[in-house]
Amino acid sequence: MKLFVSKMLYIVFMLFIISLISFLAIHAAPNSFFAGGELNPNITKESIAHLKEIYGLDKPLYMQYISWIVALFHFDFGISFASGKDVKDEILSRIPITLIINVISMVLVFIISLYLGIKSALKQGSKYDSMMKQFSLFSYALPSFYLALLLIIIFSVTLGWFPIAGLESIEAKEGIGKFFDQAWHLVLPIFVIVFGGVGSLMMYVRSLTVEILKSDYIFFASSRGLSEKDIFWKYIMPNLAPPIVTMLGLSLPGLIGGSVILESIFSIDGMGLLFYQSALSRDYPVIMGILIISAFLTLIGNIVADLVLLRLNPHFKRSQV
């Protein structure tokens, strides 16, 4: 119970810090949502001042922040400047596709990285190990936006195998046909995320596995005549699990941040594209809403990772009590 309360207080404190820094950074940026109107000769200064009064932008910055925090406690994220819609409804309509893409990608990244990393460590010094190191460097160094554009040119424009952009085809039918159509549209975006994430994590897994293989308990397990399969499941995997779970928790902040570029390139109507469009138009309520929800999901994910570690690592458990 004590641990749960401390974690909840930690979430509240971190959300406050994140919201304060984000709010100040957004309002410190040059121009505003009404900058375009100020350049329009058909809009009077009185009209612009009236709009700022409606949205509360005429108040001092600290009063704007206090008003926003009070509204946030009532789960009110405000009204979008650009669309006039409720920010909460806009985000909730966009967040499912972003989470689907990134959760699927994250699962694939960890499965592939574990397999390739462990296999590379078991074949340390071989041609396969050298090839995996080269692949890791290539995966880590290749920019995701460049790979995305390259795949679109090759597989969408030239070969016509995959859709260029969007989430579904115009002629898509309802039911199972629509499901497969949407899945086909997501192949390239998911591939880009997986390809970019496998390299560094694979080498991390390889490094951990190599250290485990050098341990005394592995030597004694081998001397007792245990099979490679038993050694793998009884000694290697239990020691790999805690750092991998920790790495999984640290990967969560990239869920939304990594979606901004890819959703913009592939024109996927998710939170990443919404954030990009809102940042361009200085739509403060939408930007703050996305930042807070992203921060909350990240903090929750990290706490879930900590709770999993409580079950896997006794030393970690003692350090938390």
Protein backbone atom coordinates (compact mmCIF):
# COMPACT_ATOMS: atom_id res chain seq x y z
CA MET A 1 0.00 0.00 0.00
CA LYS A 2 2.85 2.34 0.87
CA LEU A 3 4.49 1.65 -2.48
CA PHE A 4 1.21 2.29 -4.33
CA VAL A 5 0.68 5.65 -2.59
CA SER A 6 4.26 6.72 -3.29
CA LYS A 7 3.85 5.83 -6.96
CA MET A 8 0.61 7.82 -7.22
CA LEU A 9 2.24 10.85 -5.59
CA TYR A 10 5.14 10.46 -8.00
CA ILE A 11 2.75 10.53 -10.98
CA VAL A 12 0.99 13.66 -9.71
CA PHE A 13 4.28 15.43 -9.02
CA MET A 14 5.78 14.53 -12.42
CA LEU A 15 2.62 15.55 -14.28
CA PHE A 16 2.74 18.91 -12.53
CA ILE A 17 6.39 19.46 -13.49
CA ILE A 18 5.82 18.31 -17.07
CA SER A 19 2.71 20.48 -17.46
CA LEU A 20 4.48 23.55 -16.09
CA ILE A 21 7.55 23.18 -18.31
CA SER A 22 5.42 22.38 -21.37
CA PHE A 23 3.09 25.32 -20.75
CA LEU A 24 5.95 27.79 -20.41
CA ALA A 25 7.80 26.39 -23.43
CA ILE A 26 4.73 26.53 -25.67
CA HIS A 27 3.90 30.10 -24.75
CA ALA A 28 7.52 31.15 -25.11
CA ALA A 29 7.49 30.14 -28.78
CA PRO A 30 7.23 33.04 -31.27
CA ASN A 31 3.86 33.93 -32.82
CA SER A 32 0.51 32.52 -31.74
CA PHE A 33 -2.63 31.00 -33.20
CA PHE A 34 -3.90 34.51 -33.96
CA ALA A 35 -0.73 35.64 -35.76
CA GLY A 36 -2.31 34.85 -39.13
CA GLY A 37 -5.33 36.95 -38.24
CA GLU A 38 -3.13 39.87 -37.29
CA LEU A 39 -1.77 39.86 -40.84
CA ASN A 40 -5.24 39.72 -42.38
CA PRO A 41 -6.44 43.24 -43.26
CA ASN A 42 -10.07 42.09 -43.09
CA ILE A 43 -9.86 41.31 -39.37
CA THR A 44 -9.84 44.23 -36.98
CA LYS A 45 -7.71 44.45 -33.87
CA GLU A 46 -10.89 44.56 -31.81
CA SER A 47 -11.97 41.18 -33.25
CA ILE A 48 -8.62 39.61 -32.43
CA ALA A 49 -8.71 41.04 -28.90
CA HIS A 50 -12.25 39.65 -28.48
CA LEU A 51 -11.12 36.18 -29.59
CA LYS A 52 -8.19 36.26 -27.17
CA GLU A 53 -10.61 37.25 -24.40
CA ILE A 54 -12.90 34.33 -25.25
CA TYR A 55 -10.03 31.84 -25.03
CA GLY A 56 -8.52 33.52 -21.96
CA LEU A 57 -5.31 34.52 -23.73
CA ASP A 58 -5.64 38.12 -22.55
CA LYS A 59 -4.92 37.10 -18.94
CA PRO A 60 -1.44 36.96 -17.38
CA LEU A 61 0.42 33.73 -18.08
CA TYR A 62 0.22 32.43 -14.50
CA MET A 63 -3.57 32.92 -14.47
CA GLN A 64 -3.86 31.03 -17.76
CA TYR A 65 -1.91 28.14 -16.24
CA ILE A 66 -3.99 28.08 -13.07
CA SER A 67 -7.21 28.10 -15.08
CA TRP A 68 -5.92 25.26 -17.23
CA ILE A 69 -4.89 23.18 -14.20
CA VAL A 70 -8.29 23.69 -12.53
CA ALA A 71 -10.06 22.61 -15.72
CA LEU A 72 -7.73 19.60 -16.01
CA PHE A 73 -8.88 18.30 -12.62
CA HIS A 74 -12.37 18.13 -14.16
CA PHE A 75 -10.94 16.28 -17.21
CA ASP A 76 -11.56 19.36 -19.31
CA PHE A 77 -8.73 19.93 -21.80
CA GLY A 78 -10.36 22.96 -23.37
CA ILE A 79 -11.52 23.74 -26.90
CA SER A 80 -9.31 23.50 -29.97
CA PHE A 81 -8.53 26.87 -31.54
CA ALA A 82 -8.40 25.36 -35.01
CA SER A 83 -11.45 23.08 -35.13
CA GLY A 84 -13.57 24.42 -32.27
CA LYS A 85 -14.04 20.85 -31.02
CA ASP A 86 -13.45 19.51 -27.53
CA VAL A 87 -9.77 18.62 -27.19
CA LYS A 88 -10.54 15.48 -25.20
CA ASP A 89 -12.82 14.15 -27.95
CA GLU A 90 -10.24 14.91 -30.65
CA ILE A 91 -7.48 13.09 -28.78
CA LEU A 92 -9.66 10.09 -27.89
CA SER A 93 -10.62 9.71 -31.54
CA ARG A 94 -6.97 9.69 -32.62
CA ILE A 95 -5.22 7.77 -29.84
CA PRO A 96 -6.39 4.20 -30.69
CA ILE A 97 -4.60 3.97 -34.05
CA THR A 98 -1.41 5.47 -32.60
CA LEU A 99 -1.39 2.98 -29.73
CA ILE A 100 -2.17 0.06 -32.07
CA ILE A 101 0.72 0.91 -34.39
CA ASN A 102 3.23 1.46 -31.60
CA VAL A 103 2.20 -1.47 -29.38
CA ILE A 104 2.40 -3.90 -32.31
CA SER A 105 5.75 -2.41 -33.31
CA MET A 106 7.11 -2.60 -29.76
CA VAL A 107 6.11 -6.25 -29.36
CA LEU A 108 7.76 -7.14 -32.68
CA VAL A 109 10.90 -5.15 -31.80
CA PHE A 110 11.35 -6.99 -28.50
CA ILE A 111 10.63 -10.45 -29.92
CA ILE A 112 12.99 -9.99 -32.88
CA SER A 113 15.68 -8.30 -30.75
CA LEU A 114 15.61 -11.07 -28.16
CA TYR A 115 15.92 -13.78 -30.80
CA LEU A 116 18.68 -12.11 -32.82
CA GLY A 117 20.57 -10.82 -29.78
CA ILE A 118 20.64 -14.14 -27.92
CA LYS A 119 21.53 -16.07 -31.07
CA SER A 120 24.34 -13.62 -31.83
CA ALA A 121 25.73 -14.00 -28.29
CA LEU A 122 25.59 -17.81 -28.51
CA LYS A 123 27.52 -17.62 -31.80
CA GLN A 124 29.97 -15.00 -30.57
CA GLY A 125 32.85 -14.45 -33.00
CA SER A 126 31.15 -16.19 -35.92
CA LYS A 127 30.22 -14.72 -39.31
CA TYR A 128 26.62 -14.55 -38.14
CA ASP A 129 27.66 -12.45 -35.13
CA SER A 130 29.67 -10.09 -37.36
CA MET A 131 26.74 -9.77 -39.78
CA MET A 132 24.36 -8.92 -36.93
CA LYS A 133 26.73 -6.20 -35.70
CA GLN A 134 26.76 -4.63 -39.15
CA PHE A 135 22.98 -4.85 -39.36
CA SER A 136 22.69 -3.22 -35.93
CA LEU A 137 24.82 -0.25 -36.99
CA PHE A 138 22.85 0.13 -40.22
CA SER A 139 19.52 -0.05 -38.39
CA TYR A 140 20.60 2.48 -35.77
CA ALA A 141 22.15 4.95 -38.24
CA LEU A 142 19.45 4.98 -40.94
CA PRO A 143 16.98 7.84 -40.31
CA SER A 144 13.38 6.64 -40.04
CA PHE A 145 12.01 9.39 -42.28
CA TYR A 146 14.50 8.50 -45.03
CA LEU A 147 13.63 4.80 -44.80
CA ALA A 148 9.91 5.64 -44.91
CA LEU A 149 10.30 7.76 -48.06
CA LEU A 150 12.51 5.09 -49.65
CA LEU A 151 9.94 2.36 -48.99
CA ILE A 152 7.14 4.51 -50.39
CA ILE A 153 9.12 5.16 -53.59
CA ILE A 154 10.03 1.49 -54.08
CA PHE A 155 7.01 -0.46 -52.85
CA SER A 156 4.19 2.05 -53.33
CA VAL A 157 5.09 4.27 -56.28
CA THR A 158 7.29 1.94 -58.37
CA LEU A 159 5.95 -1.53 -57.60
CA GLY A 160 2.48 -0.56 -56.38
CA TRP A 161 2.43 -3.29 -53.75
CA PHE A 162 1.41 -1.09 -50.82
CA PRO A 163 -0.75 2.05 -50.44
CA ILE A 164 1.15 5.34 -50.51
CA ALA A 165 -0.59 6.90 -47.51
CA GLY A 166 -3.72 6.90 -45.39
CA LEU A 167 -5.34 4.28 -43.21
CA GLU A 168 -7.86 2.71 -45.58
CA SER A 169 -8.80 2.64 -49.25
CA ILE A 170 -11.80 4.51 -50.61
CA GLU A 171 -13.32 1.30 -51.95
CA ALA A 172 -12.77 -0.61 -48.69
CA LYS A 173 -15.81 -2.61 -47.59
CA GLU A 174 -17.06 -2.98 -44.04
CA GLY A 175 -16.21 -6.02 -41.94
CA ILE A 176 -13.24 -8.32 -42.41
CA GLY A 177 -12.35 -6.68 -45.72
CA LYS A 178 -11.91 -3.31 -44.05
CA PHE A 179 -9.76 -4.89 -41.34
CA PHE A 180 -7.35 -6.43 -43.86
CA ASP A 181 -7.31 -3.21 -45.87
CA GLN A 182 -6.27 -1.20 -42.81
CA ALA A 183 -3.70 -3.83 -41.87
CA TRP A 184 -2.23 -3.60 -45.39
CA HIS A 185 -1.92 0.18 -45.01
CA LEU A 186 0.02 -0.27 -41.74
CA VAL A 187 2.64 -2.70 -43.06
CA LEU A 188 5.15 -0.04 -44.14
CA PRO A 189 4.78 2.23 -41.07
CA ILE A 190 5.18 -0.69 -38.70
CA PHE A 191 8.16 -2.01 -40.67
CA VAL A 192 9.90 1.38 -40.40
CA ILE A 193 9.42 1.48 -36.62
CA VAL A 194 10.55 -2.13 -36.15
CA PHE A 195 13.60 -1.77 -38.40
CA GLY A 196 14.72 1.36 -36.57
CA GLY A 197 14.23 -0.13 -33.11
CA VAL A 198 15.70 -3.61 -33.53
CA GLY A 199 19.35 -2.65 -34.01
CA SER A 200 20.19 -0.98 -30.70
CA LEU A 201 18.04 -3.30 -28.58
CA MET A 202 19.48 -6.38 -30.27
CA MET A 203 23.03 -5.33 -29.36
CA TYR A 204 21.89 -4.56 -25.81
CA VAL A 205 20.47 -8.08 -25.51
CA ARG A 206 23.62 -9.54 -27.04
CA SER A 207 25.83 -7.69 -24.55
CA LEU A 208 23.73 -8.86 -21.60
CA THR A 209 23.72 -12.45 -22.83
CA VAL A 210 27.49 -12.48 -23.33
CA GLU A 211 28.01 -11.32 -19.73
CA ILE A 212 25.60 -13.98 -18.46
CA LEU A 213 27.42 -16.70 -20.42
CA LYS A 214 30.66 -15.68 -18.66
CA SER A 215 29.09 -16.18 -15.22
CA ASP A 216 30.18 -18.93 -12.86
CA TYR A 217 26.69 -20.38 -12.53
CA ILE A 218 26.59 -21.01 -16.28
CA PHE A 219 29.94 -22.84 -16.03
CA PHE A 220 28.73 -25.00 -13.15
CA ALA A 221 25.40 -25.69 -14.90
CA SER A 222 27.30 -26.89 -17.97
CA SER A 223 29.64 -29.02 -15.84
CA ARG A 224 26.59 -30.72 -14.27
CA GLY A 225 25.59 -31.90 -17.72
CA LEU A 226 22.52 -29.68 -18.21
CA SER A 227 21.37 -29.33 -21.79
CA GLU A 228 21.61 -26.01 -23.63
CA LYS A 229 17.83 -25.79 -23.55
CA ASP A 230 17.71 -26.15 -19.75
CA ILE A 231 20.54 -23.63 -19.30
CA PHE A 232 18.74 -21.17 -21.54
CA TRP A 233 15.37 -21.33 -19.76
CA LYS A 234 16.64 -21.76 -16.18
CA TYR A 235 19.60 -19.37 -16.17
CA ILE A 236 19.83 -17.10 -19.20
CA MET A 237 16.21 -15.97 -19.54
CA PRO A 238 15.57 -15.31 -15.80
CA ASN A 239 18.66 -13.08 -15.72
CA LEU A 240 17.77 -11.35 -18.98
CA ALA A 241 14.19 -10.56 -17.96
CA PRO A 242 14.77 -7.71 -15.42
CA PRO A 243 16.94 -5.48 -17.66
CA ILE A 244 14.70 -6.19 -20.65
CA VAL A 245 11.60 -5.16 -18.68
CA THR A 246 13.43 -2.00 -17.59
CA MET A 247 14.32 -1.30 -21.22
CA LEU A 248 10.69 -1.79 -22.16
CA GLY A 249 9.65 0.85 -19.64
CA LEU A 250 12.27 3.28 -20.95
CA SER A 251 11.00 2.74 -24.51
CA LEU A 252 7.50 3.97 -23.72
CA PRO A 253 8.24 7.72 -24.08
CA GLY A 254 8.94 7.13 -27.76
CA LEU A 255 5.44 5.84 -28.45
CA ILE A 256 3.97 9.25 -29.26
CA GLY A 257 7.16 11.11 -30.12
CA GLY A 258 8.15 8.63 -32.80
CA SER A 259 4.69 8.77 -34.33
CA VAL A 260 4.88 12.45 -35.24
CA ILE A 261 7.22 11.95 -38.22
CA LEU A 262 5.80 8.64 -39.48
CA GLU A 263 2.16 9.63 -39.22
CA SER A 264 2.96 12.85 -41.07
CA ILE A 265 4.77 10.99 -43.87
CA PHE A 266 2.14 8.24 -44.22
CA SER A 267 -0.80 10.61 -43.54
CA ILE A 268 -2.15 8.44 -40.73
CA ASP A 269 -4.79 10.28 -38.75
CA GLY A 270 -3.36 9.59 -35.29
CA MET A 271 -2.07 11.54 -32.33
CA GLY A 272 1.31 12.12 -33.95
CA LEU A 273 -0.21 13.86 -36.97
CA LEU A 274 -2.60 15.80 -34.73
CA PHE A 275 0.33 17.00 -32.61
CA TYR A 276 2.27 18.06 -35.71
CA GLN A 277 -0.67 20.01 -37.15
CA SER A 278 -1.40 21.62 -33.78
CA ALA A 279 2.24 22.64 -33.32
CA LEU A 280 2.26 24.34 -36.71
CA SER A 281 -0.91 26.30 -35.94
CA ARG A 282 0.03 27.00 -32.28
CA ASP A 283 -3.15 25.29 -31.10
CA TYR A 284 -2.21 25.47 -27.39
CA PRO A 285 -5.07 23.39 -25.88
CA VAL A 286 -4.47 20.45 -28.23
CA ILE A 287 -0.69 20.54 -27.75
CA MET A 288 -1.01 20.60 -23.97
CA GLY A 289 -3.65 17.86 -24.01
CA ILE A 290 -1.46 15.53 -26.07
CA LEU A 291 1.62 16.23 -23.94
CA ILE A 292 -0.22 15.52 -20.69
CA ILE A 293 -1.89 12.34 -21.94
CA SER A 294 1.41 11.12 -23.41
CA ALA A 295 3.20 11.85 -20.14
CA PHE A 296 0.50 10.07 -18.15
CA LEU A 297 0.67 6.95 -20.36
CA THR A 298 4.45 6.94 -20.10
CA LEU A 299 4.41 7.22 -16.29
CA ILE A 300 1.81 4.48 -16.01
CA GLY A 301 3.88 2.27 -18.30
CA ASN A 302 7.00 2.82 -16.20
CA ILE A 303 5.11 1.94 -13.02
CA VAL A 304 3.78 -1.24 -14.63
CA ALA A 305 7.37 -2.10 -15.57
CA ASP A 306 8.42 -1.52 -11.93
CA LEU A 307 5.62 -3.80 -10.70
CA VAL A 308 6.76 -6.53 -13.08
CA LEU A 309 10.30 -6.13 -11.76
CA LEU A 310 8.97 -6.61 -8.23
CA ARG A 311 8.03 -10.12 -9.29
CA LEU A 312 11.20 -10.87 -11.25
CA ASN A 313 13.99 -9.35 -9.20
CA PRO A 314 14.10 -9.80 -5.37
CA HIS A 315 16.91 -7.25 -5.06
CA PHE A 316 14.78 -4.66 -6.85
CA LYS A 317 11.92 -5.53 -4.50
CA ARG A 318 14.00 -4.93 -1.41
CA SER A 319 15.19 -1.59 -2.75
CA GLN A 320 11.57 -0.43 -3.20
CA VAL A 321 10.35 -1.27 0.27
